[in-house]
């Protein structure tokens, strides 16, 4: 049963990559090692939410759940219709939303979600227009409460966003050589925080 689910997930992911390679960061889903590494960097406390941008097939979300974040405190945004439908079926109890991450503030307002401690981005930023990168970072920080932070996983050791121009501090907090391709978990903080 687990093998059949993994094959279905990989096929769906690969089909989406073939259809739109720029919107997918890799040709295969993220590994459990990457999911665990991301989860270790999430700042969560009871009553707060964690928002994931670009849920893909749910690999990172599963890592967050395994780390103890309650399903009802996870908001997963996915733009692609097929991936969104797959996530809704797979992630019972998680608030899965089909939507554009550049409009995160509107989506969270509509959902009544206010206390967000961490925004996790799996969106491929390398090679994307600067305006898109700015919109994602600005929307992420607009959603965060207090001293929350953003996490971005990437397959490049070069910062995926222009941190100085965006007024944020960016640093690699985890390196995951066991992911294919090897991955880096970036943490973004406000410079004034």
Protein backbone atom coordinates (compact mmCIF):
# COMPACT_ATOMS: atom_id res chain seq x y z
CA UNK A 1 0.00 0.00 0.00
CA UNK A 2 2.79 2.46 0.93
CA UNK A 3 4.67 1.55 -2.25
CA UNK A 4 1.59 2.20 -4.41
CA UNK A 5 1.08 5.58 -2.73
CA UNK A 6 4.73 6.53 -3.29
CA UNK A 7 4.54 5.55 -6.96
CA UNK A 8 1.34 7.58 -7.43
CA UNK A 9 2.92 10.58 -5.71
CA UNK A 10 6.09 10.39 -7.83
CA UNK A 11 4.10 10.02 -11.05
CA UNK A 12 1.91 13.02 -10.20
CA UNK A 13 4.93 15.13 -9.26
CA UNK A 14 6.83 14.19 -12.42
CA UNK A 15 3.78 14.88 -14.65
CA UNK A 16 3.45 18.34 -13.09
CA UNK A 17 7.17 18.94 -13.62
CA UNK A 18 6.89 17.96 -17.31
CA UNK A 19 3.93 20.32 -17.70
CA UNK A 20 5.60 23.25 -15.95
CA UNK A 21 9.28 22.75 -15.01
CA UNK A 22 9.78 26.34 -13.78
CA UNK A 23 7.00 25.98 -11.22
CA UNK A 24 8.57 22.85 -9.71
CA UNK A 25 11.88 22.99 -7.88
CA UNK A 26 12.86 19.39 -8.62
CA UNK A 27 11.76 16.44 -10.72
CA UNK A 28 11.07 14.31 -7.60
CA UNK A 29 9.32 15.11 -4.30
CA UNK A 30 11.32 16.31 -1.30
CA UNK A 31 12.88 13.62 0.88
CA UNK A 32 11.99 12.75 4.47
CA UNK A 33 15.43 14.04 5.46
CA UNK A 34 14.58 17.46 4.04
CA UNK A 35 11.12 17.40 5.66
CA UNK A 36 12.67 16.62 9.06
CA UNK A 37 15.29 19.36 8.60
CA UNK A 38 12.64 21.95 7.78
CA UNK A 39 10.47 20.84 10.71
CA UNK A 40 13.39 21.28 13.14
CA UNK A 41 13.60 24.96 12.20
CA UNK A 42 9.89 25.75 12.57
CA UNK A 43 8.93 27.97 15.48
CA UNK A 44 5.56 26.74 16.67
CA UNK A 45 3.61 27.10 19.86
CA UNK A 46 0.08 26.01 20.78
CA UNK A 47 -2.61 28.16 19.22
CA UNK A 48 -0.40 29.40 16.38
CA UNK A 49 -0.30 28.39 12.71
CA UNK A 50 2.41 27.30 10.32
CA UNK A 51 1.84 28.25 6.68
CA UNK A 52 3.43 26.30 3.83
CA UNK A 53 3.69 27.88 0.38
CA UNK A 54 3.80 25.36 -2.45
CA UNK A 55 2.67 22.13 -0.83
CA UNK A 56 3.58 19.94 -3.83
CA UNK A 57 2.70 16.36 -2.90
CA UNK A 58 2.83 16.97 0.85
CA UNK A 59 6.30 15.68 1.74
CA UNK A 60 7.22 18.71 3.84
CA UNK A 61 3.75 18.89 5.38
CA UNK A 62 4.07 15.26 6.47
CA UNK A 63 7.38 16.13 8.16
CA UNK A 64 5.69 18.99 10.02
CA UNK A 65 2.93 16.66 11.21
CA UNK A 66 5.47 14.02 12.29
CA UNK A 67 7.28 16.74 14.28
CA UNK A 68 4.12 17.30 16.31
CA UNK A 69 2.45 20.28 14.68
CA UNK A 70 -1.30 19.62 14.78
CA UNK A 71 -2.95 19.18 11.40
CA UNK A 72 -5.54 21.83 12.22
CA UNK A 73 -2.73 24.38 12.73
CA UNK A 74 -1.25 23.87 9.26
CA UNK A 75 -2.28 25.96 6.26
CA UNK A 76 -0.95 24.64 2.95
CA UNK A 77 -1.19 26.76 -0.16
CA UNK A 78 -0.91 25.14 -3.59
CA UNK A 79 -1.61 26.88 -6.89
CA UNK A 80 -1.65 23.83 -9.17
CA UNK A 81 -5.13 22.28 -9.34
CA UNK A 82 -4.01 18.62 -9.61
CA UNK A 83 -1.57 18.95 -6.70
CA UNK A 84 -4.18 20.82 -4.64
CA UNK A 85 -6.72 18.02 -5.15
CA UNK A 86 -4.11 15.40 -4.26
CA UNK A 87 -3.19 17.29 -1.07
CA UNK A 88 -6.83 17.67 -0.01
CA UNK A 89 -7.27 13.92 -0.33
CA UNK A 90 -3.97 13.02 1.34
CA UNK A 91 -3.82 15.56 4.18
CA UNK A 92 -7.07 15.13 6.08
CA UNK A 93 -7.49 17.70 8.82
CA UNK A 94 -5.00 20.13 7.23
CA UNK A 95 -6.34 23.40 5.82
CA UNK A 96 -5.35 23.00 2.16
CA UNK A 97 -6.11 26.00 -0.05
CA UNK A 98 -5.77 26.44 -3.77
CA UNK A 99 -4.37 29.91 -4.21
CA UNK A 100 -1.61 32.27 -5.24
CA UNK A 101 1.10 32.84 -2.61
CA UNK A 102 1.51 36.43 -3.80
CA UNK A 103 -1.96 37.00 -2.33
CA UNK A 104 -1.31 35.26 0.99
CA UNK A 105 -2.59 38.17 3.09
CA UNK A 106 -6.00 38.04 1.39
CA UNK A 107 -6.20 34.26 1.73
CA UNK A 108 -5.33 34.26 5.45
CA UNK A 109 -7.76 37.11 6.10
CA UNK A 110 -10.54 35.15 4.39
CA UNK A 111 -9.67 32.08 6.51
CA UNK A 112 -9.50 34.10 9.74
CA UNK A 113 -5.89 32.97 10.34
CA UNK A 114 -3.95 35.56 12.32
CA UNK A 115 -1.33 33.96 14.58
CA UNK A 116 1.34 32.62 12.21
CA UNK A 117 4.70 31.68 13.70
CA UNK A 118 6.50 30.36 10.62
CA UNK A 119 6.00 30.56 6.87
CA UNK A 120 7.69 27.72 4.97
CA UNK A 121 8.29 28.27 1.27
CA UNK A 122 8.94 25.44 -1.12
CA UNK A 123 8.44 27.74 -4.09
CA UNK A 124 11.33 27.63 -6.56
CA UNK A 125 12.84 31.12 -6.37
CA UNK A 126 16.04 30.69 -8.39
CA UNK A 127 15.44 32.11 -11.85
CA UNK A 128 12.14 33.74 -10.90
CA UNK A 129 11.53 37.45 -11.55
CA UNK A 130 12.62 39.82 -8.78
CA UNK A 131 9.03 41.10 -8.44
CA UNK A 132 7.84 37.56 -7.65
CA UNK A 133 10.58 37.04 -5.04
CA UNK A 134 9.74 40.39 -3.42
CA UNK A 135 6.02 39.57 -3.35
CA UNK A 136 6.59 36.17 -1.70
CA UNK A 137 8.91 37.55 0.99
CA UNK A 138 6.70 40.58 1.68
CA UNK A 139 3.58 38.42 1.90
CA UNK A 140 5.36 35.94 4.15
CA UNK A 141 6.47 38.61 6.61
CA UNK A 142 3.09 40.31 6.50
CA UNK A 143 1.55 37.02 7.69
CA UNK A 144 4.02 36.52 10.54
CA UNK A 145 3.29 37.60 14.05
CA UNK A 146 5.87 38.92 16.50
CA UNK A 147 9.29 37.36 16.03
CA UNK A 148 8.22 34.71 13.54
CA UNK A 149 10.43 33.81 10.61
CA UNK A 150 10.33 32.43 7.10
CA UNK A 151 12.01 29.26 5.93
CA UNK A 152 12.88 28.58 2.31
CA UNK A 153 14.24 25.29 1.09
CA UNK A 154 16.31 25.46 -2.05
CA UNK A 155 18.74 23.41 -4.07
CA UNK A 156 21.28 26.22 -4.21
CA UNK A 157 23.77 27.39 -1.58
CA UNK A 158 23.35 30.90 -3.06
CA UNK A 159 20.58 32.88 -1.39
CA UNK A 160 17.39 32.42 -3.45
CA UNK A 161 16.23 36.02 -2.82
CA UNK A 162 17.99 39.41 -2.80
CA UNK A 163 18.10 39.64 1.00
CA UNK A 164 19.69 43.09 1.34
CA UNK A 165 17.26 44.65 -1.12
CA UNK A 166 14.37 43.10 0.78
CA UNK A 167 15.64 44.24 4.18
CA UNK A 168 16.00 40.75 5.61
CA UNK A 169 18.78 38.62 7.06
CA UNK A 170 19.16 35.30 5.24
CA UNK A 171 21.28 32.38 6.37
CA UNK A 172 21.53 28.65 5.77
CA UNK A 173 20.39 26.81 8.90
CA UNK A 174 20.44 23.24 7.55
CA UNK A 175 22.23 21.43 4.75
CA UNK A 176 20.61 18.20 3.57
CA UNK A 177 23.05 16.21 1.42
CA UNK A 178 20.75 13.12 1.48
CA UNK A 179 18.05 14.90 -0.51
CA UNK A 180 18.11 14.50 -4.32
CA UNK A 181 19.33 17.02 -5.30
CA UNK A 182 21.10 18.13 -2.10
CA UNK A 183 19.10 20.87 -0.39
CA UNK A 184 19.58 23.87 1.85
CA UNK A 185 17.15 25.27 4.40
CA UNK A 186 17.34 29.06 4.51
CA UNK A 187 15.99 31.14 7.39
CA UNK A 188 14.83 34.70 6.72
CA UNK A 189 14.47 37.17 9.59
CA UNK A 190 13.58 40.84 9.66
CA UNK A 191 16.67 42.98 10.09
CA UNK A 192 14.90 44.90 12.86
CA UNK A 193 13.85 41.69 14.67
